[in-house]
Amino acid sequence: MWYWTKLLFIIFVGAVAVWIGYELITFPAISRLRTENPTTSSMIEYRISEARAEGREPKKAMIWMPIEQISPNLQRAVLAGEDSRFFQHNGFDWDAIQAAWDEAVKEGEKEAKEEGDYDPNDWIPPMPSFKRGASTVTQQLAKNLFLSEDRNFLRKGREAVYTYFLERELTKKRILELYLNIIEWGDGIYGAEAASRYYFKKSASDLSREDAAFLAAMIPSPLNVFNPAKNRKRVVRRQRVILRGMNSIKLAYSEK
């Protein structure tokens, strides 16, 4: 019995060591992002492979722009819609995470009651989905740059580690600059400049408040839920909300 226990322990330790070694070998060189502008991302490569698998010609429109040439209107609109506490947190908005947990608990209780399967004395709340309000700009950047589209605890753990190092190695200004240049804004459209030219026939530096809020409204699901070609009314409703929120966003790095 002792022999098998010892053998299983050695196998377990070995497996953990191999996994840690793999993570260290494949860990991205985040410090390089201080000066190097990425030309692609995990999200972009996923979309390209997805198109090829479906027999479609991959699209990629991406024009890098320094943050100084991206309208402050868009910077404020994106933060209003995605991460209003961007300059106050260290990559993780714990208040938003708690709100997501509370919302998940309420939704879980409601579903359990509707299905007749709710016992307050034996209730284990579901894990929150974190679909609403919990994912910061830095977390989204980590996911889009480095990670797959898989939804599991291992990927979420990697996202947390990458988020920590992004915040440690880069300034808030650089994080936002990277984010604005790589996020998806439509089929094959990546970054603020490509999106501005496609939707408004102008540079990202010339976006009005209304233009900026419209683009920011699309970010959660530019291909489906907030695709203006499919659901323009939804985009416009979210645009109005973002326009109200923009007034409270101060770009802290520009005030130093």
Protein backbone atom coordinates (compact mmCIF):
# COMPACT_ATOMS: atom_id res chain seq x y z
CA MET A 1 0.00 0.00 0.00
CA TRP A 2 2.79 2.42 0.97
CA TYR A 3 4.59 1.65 -2.29
CA TRP A 4 1.59 2.63 -4.42
CA THR A 5 0.93 5.75 -2.37
CA LYS A 6 4.54 6.83 -2.79
CA LEU A 7 4.43 6.07 -6.52
CA LEU A 8 1.25 8.09 -7.02
CA PHE A 9 2.76 10.98 -5.06
CA ILE A 10 5.89 10.94 -7.24
CA ILE A 11 3.76 10.87 -10.40
CA PHE A 12 1.68 13.78 -9.12
CA VAL A 13 4.74 15.86 -8.21
CA GLY A 14 6.29 15.05 -11.57
CA ALA A 15 3.15 16.10 -13.42
CA VAL A 16 3.02 19.38 -11.49
CA ALA A 17 6.71 20.02 -12.24
CA VAL A 18 6.14 19.38 -15.95
CA TRP A 19 3.14 21.73 -15.97
CA ILE A 20 5.06 24.49 -14.16
CA GLY A 21 7.98 24.04 -16.57
CA TYR A 22 5.64 24.32 -19.54
CA GLU A 23 4.05 27.48 -18.16
CA LEU A 24 7.46 29.06 -17.59
CA ILE A 25 8.72 28.16 -21.07
CA THR A 26 5.60 29.49 -22.81
CA PHE A 27 5.17 32.57 -20.60
CA PRO A 28 4.93 35.66 -22.84
CA ALA A 29 7.63 38.35 -22.76
CA ILE A 30 5.33 41.00 -21.37
CA SER A 31 8.11 43.50 -20.68
CA ARG A 32 8.72 43.78 -24.44
CA LEU A 33 5.31 45.35 -24.81
CA ARG A 34 6.70 48.52 -23.27
CA THR A 35 8.20 49.40 -26.65
CA GLU A 36 7.05 46.73 -29.13
CA ASN A 37 3.66 46.99 -30.83
CA PRO A 38 2.05 43.59 -31.45
CA THR A 39 1.10 42.88 -35.05
CA THR A 40 -1.33 40.12 -34.14
CA SER A 41 -2.97 38.51 -31.12
CA SER A 42 -4.42 35.22 -29.98
CA MET A 43 -7.90 36.53 -30.79
CA ILE A 44 -6.89 37.59 -34.32
CA GLU A 45 -5.20 34.26 -35.02
CA TYR A 46 -8.27 32.43 -33.73
CA ARG A 47 -10.53 34.40 -36.10
CA ILE A 48 -8.19 33.69 -39.02
CA SER A 49 -8.15 29.95 -38.32
CA GLU A 50 -11.91 29.98 -37.79
CA ALA A 51 -12.46 31.61 -41.20
CA ARG A 52 -10.18 29.11 -42.94
CA ALA A 53 -11.93 26.19 -41.25
CA GLU A 54 -15.24 27.50 -42.61
CA GLY A 55 -13.80 27.95 -46.11
CA ARG A 56 -13.82 31.75 -45.92
CA GLU A 57 -11.02 34.13 -46.83
CA PRO A 58 -9.57 35.53 -43.59
CA LYS A 59 -9.85 39.29 -43.11
CA LYS A 60 -7.53 41.49 -41.12
CA ALA A 61 -7.65 45.28 -41.06
CA MET A 62 -5.40 46.65 -38.32
CA ILE A 63 -3.69 50.05 -38.36
CA TRP A 64 -1.57 50.86 -35.33
CA MET A 65 -2.03 54.32 -33.84
CA PRO A 66 -0.25 55.89 -30.85
CA ILE A 67 -2.71 56.76 -28.12
CA GLU A 68 -2.00 60.46 -28.69
CA GLN A 69 -3.64 60.04 -32.12
CA ILE A 70 -6.73 58.30 -30.75
CA SER A 71 -9.47 60.71 -29.75
CA PRO A 72 -9.86 61.22 -25.99
CA ASN A 73 -13.57 60.81 -26.72
CA LEU A 74 -12.98 57.18 -27.65
CA GLN A 75 -10.67 56.60 -24.70
CA ARG A 76 -13.34 57.90 -22.30
CA ALA A 77 -16.15 56.05 -24.07
CA VAL A 78 -14.32 52.71 -23.91
CA LEU A 79 -13.56 53.14 -20.23
CA ALA A 80 -17.12 54.24 -19.51
CA GLY A 81 -18.44 51.10 -21.17
CA GLU A 82 -15.84 48.55 -20.12
CA ASP A 83 -13.91 49.64 -17.04
CA SER A 84 -14.86 52.91 -15.33
CA ARG A 85 -12.41 52.28 -12.46
CA PHE A 86 -9.45 51.57 -14.76
CA PHE A 87 -7.18 54.14 -13.13
CA GLN A 88 -8.12 53.10 -9.59
CA HIS A 89 -7.59 49.34 -9.63
CA ASN A 90 -4.51 47.13 -10.11
CA GLY A 91 -5.99 45.01 -12.86
CA PHE A 92 -8.83 43.43 -10.88
CA ASP A 93 -11.98 45.33 -9.97
CA TRP A 94 -12.98 43.48 -6.82
CA ASP A 95 -16.19 45.49 -6.39
CA ALA A 96 -17.32 44.46 -9.86
CA ILE A 97 -16.34 40.84 -9.19
CA GLN A 98 -18.43 40.88 -5.99
CA ALA A 99 -21.34 42.40 -7.91
CA ALA A 100 -21.05 39.65 -10.54
CA TRP A 101 -21.04 37.02 -7.76
CA ASP A 102 -24.13 38.55 -6.09
CA GLU A 103 -25.93 38.67 -9.42
CA ALA A 104 -25.06 35.04 -10.17
CA VAL A 105 -26.36 33.96 -6.74
CA LYS A 106 -29.67 35.78 -7.30
CA GLU A 107 -30.07 34.31 -10.77
CA GLY A 108 -29.21 30.84 -9.49
CA GLU A 109 -31.74 31.08 -6.67
CA LYS A 110 -34.42 32.28 -9.09
CA GLU A 111 -33.78 29.39 -11.49
CA ALA A 112 -33.72 26.85 -8.65
CA LYS A 113 -37.04 28.14 -7.28
CA GLU A 114 -38.62 28.03 -10.73
CA GLU A 115 -37.46 24.41 -11.09
CA GLY A 116 -38.62 23.49 -7.57
CA ASP A 117 -35.09 22.61 -6.51
CA TYR A 118 -34.32 25.31 -3.93
CA ASP A 119 -33.60 24.52 -0.28
CA PRO A 120 -32.24 27.50 1.73
CA ASN A 121 -30.67 25.08 4.23
CA ASP A 122 -28.79 23.18 1.53
CA TRP A 123 -27.97 25.81 -1.05
CA ILE A 124 -24.65 26.06 -2.89
CA PRO A 125 -24.61 29.15 -5.12
CA PRO A 126 -23.38 28.78 -8.71
CA MET A 127 -20.07 30.18 -9.81
CA PRO A 128 -20.50 33.64 -11.35
CA SER A 129 -20.21 33.87 -15.10
CA PHE A 130 -18.32 37.21 -14.96
CA LYS A 131 -20.08 38.17 -18.18
CA ARG A 132 -21.22 41.47 -16.74
CA GLY A 133 -19.01 44.11 -15.22
CA ALA A 134 -16.20 41.98 -13.77
CA SER A 135 -13.63 41.80 -16.56
CA THR A 136 -11.33 44.84 -16.59
CA VAL A 137 -9.57 46.33 -19.61
CA THR A 138 -6.33 44.73 -18.44
CA GLN A 139 -7.96 41.32 -18.12
CA GLN A 140 -9.50 41.67 -21.57
CA LEU A 141 -6.10 42.66 -22.96
CA ALA A 142 -4.49 39.59 -21.39
CA LYS A 143 -7.17 37.33 -22.86
CA ASN A 144 -7.12 38.88 -26.34
CA LEU A 145 -3.33 38.99 -26.63
CA PHE A 146 -2.32 35.65 -25.20
CA LEU A 147 -5.15 33.22 -24.53
CA SER A 148 -7.51 30.87 -26.31
CA GLU A 149 -11.29 31.17 -26.44
CA ASP A 150 -11.69 28.21 -24.07
CA ARG A 151 -13.70 28.92 -20.93
CA ASN A 152 -12.20 27.02 -18.01
CA PHE A 153 -10.46 27.59 -14.69
CA LEU A 154 -6.99 26.99 -16.14
CA ARG A 155 -7.47 29.74 -18.72
CA LYS A 156 -8.93 32.04 -16.08
CA GLY A 157 -5.90 31.36 -13.89
CA ARG A 158 -3.52 32.23 -16.72
CA GLU A 159 -5.52 35.35 -17.39
CA ALA A 160 -5.09 36.42 -13.77
CA VAL A 161 -1.31 35.85 -13.89
CA TYR A 162 -0.92 37.72 -17.18
CA THR A 163 -3.09 40.55 -15.86
CA TYR A 164 -0.84 40.91 -12.81
CA PHE A 165 2.30 41.15 -14.94
CA LEU A 166 0.71 43.53 -17.45
CA GLU A 167 -0.10 45.89 -14.61
CA ARG A 168 3.35 45.46 -13.07
CA GLU A 169 5.36 45.92 -16.27
CA LEU A 170 3.32 48.52 -18.15
CA THR A 171 1.82 51.92 -17.45
CA LYS A 172 -1.93 52.44 -17.54
CA LYS A 173 -1.47 54.58 -20.63
CA ARG A 174 0.37 51.79 -22.44
CA ILE A 175 -2.21 49.18 -21.39
CA LEU A 176 -5.02 51.30 -22.80
CA GLU A 177 -3.02 52.00 -25.97
CA LEU A 178 -2.49 48.28 -26.56
CA TYR A 179 -6.13 47.52 -25.85
CA LEU A 180 -7.45 50.16 -28.23
CA ASN A 181 -5.21 48.90 -31.03
CA ILE A 182 -6.01 45.18 -30.92
CA ILE A 183 -9.62 44.72 -29.86
CA GLU A 184 -12.16 43.37 -32.31
CA TRP A 185 -14.63 45.82 -33.86
CA GLY A 186 -16.22 43.68 -36.55
CA ASP A 187 -15.42 40.94 -39.04
CA GLY A 188 -11.69 41.31 -39.59
CA ILE A 189 -11.63 44.82 -38.08
CA TYR A 190 -9.13 45.29 -35.25
CA GLY A 191 -8.22 48.44 -33.40
CA ALA A 192 -9.56 51.96 -33.18
CA GLU A 193 -8.11 53.31 -36.44
CA ALA A 194 -9.43 50.50 -38.65
CA ALA A 195 -12.83 50.71 -36.93
CA SER A 196 -13.04 54.50 -37.29
CA ARG A 197 -12.24 54.33 -40.99
CA TYR A 198 -14.66 51.47 -41.61
CA TYR A 199 -17.69 52.83 -39.71
CA PHE A 200 -17.21 56.61 -40.00
CA LYS A 201 -14.75 57.13 -42.87
CA LYS A 202 -12.48 59.19 -40.61
CA SER A 203 -9.40 58.77 -38.46
CA ALA A 204 -9.65 57.73 -34.82
CA SER A 205 -8.23 61.14 -33.91
CA ASP A 206 -11.36 62.86 -35.30
CA LEU A 207 -14.08 60.84 -33.56
CA SER A 208 -16.87 62.87 -31.95
CA ARG A 209 -18.43 61.91 -28.62
CA GLU A 210 -21.32 60.24 -30.42
CA ASP A 211 -19.02 58.33 -32.79
CA ALA A 212 -16.86 57.18 -29.89
CA ALA A 213 -19.82 56.03 -27.79
CA PHE A 214 -21.19 54.10 -30.78
CA LEU A 215 -17.91 52.22 -31.24
CA ALA A 216 -17.57 51.57 -27.50
CA ALA A 217 -21.11 50.18 -27.43
CA MET A 218 -20.08 47.46 -29.87
CA ILE A 219 -17.14 46.07 -27.88
CA PRO A 220 -18.85 43.28 -25.88
CA SER A 221 -20.07 41.49 -29.02
CA PRO A 222 -19.24 43.26 -32.31
CA LEU A 223 -20.03 40.22 -34.46
CA ASN A 224 -23.42 39.36 -32.96
CA VAL A 225 -25.28 41.02 -30.08
CA PHE A 226 -23.86 44.51 -30.66
CA ASN A 227 -23.28 44.23 -34.38
CA PRO A 228 -24.86 47.41 -35.83
CA ALA A 229 -25.79 45.59 -39.04
CA LYS A 230 -27.78 43.04 -37.04
CA ASN A 231 -28.94 44.89 -33.92
CA ARG A 232 -28.51 48.62 -34.45
CA LYS A 233 -31.17 49.50 -31.87
CA ARG A 234 -29.23 47.64 -29.17
CA VAL A 235 -26.04 49.46 -30.11
CA VAL A 236 -27.81 52.83 -30.00
CA ARG A 237 -29.34 52.07 -26.59
CA ARG A 238 -25.94 51.17 -25.18
CA GLN A 239 -24.44 54.22 -26.90
CA ARG A 240 -26.82 56.47 -24.94
CA VAL A 241 -25.79 54.88 -21.65
CA ILE A 242 -22.09 55.27 -22.47
CA LEU A 243 -22.56 58.93 -23.44
CA ARG A 244 -23.92 59.61 -19.96
CA GLY A 245 -21.05 57.75 -18.33
CA MET A 246 -18.31 59.49 -20.32
CA ASN A 247 -18.66 62.70 -18.30
CA SER A 248 -17.31 61.02 -15.17
CA ILE A 249 -14.22 59.50 -16.84
CA LYS A 250 -10.96 61.39 -16.33
CA LEU A 251 -7.89 60.31 -18.23
CA ALA A 252 -5.52 60.35 -15.26
CA TYR A 253 -2.32 59.98 -17.25
CA SER A 254 -3.05 63.18 -19.18
CA GLU A 255 -3.36 65.17 -16.00
CA LYS A 256 0.02 64.31 -14.47
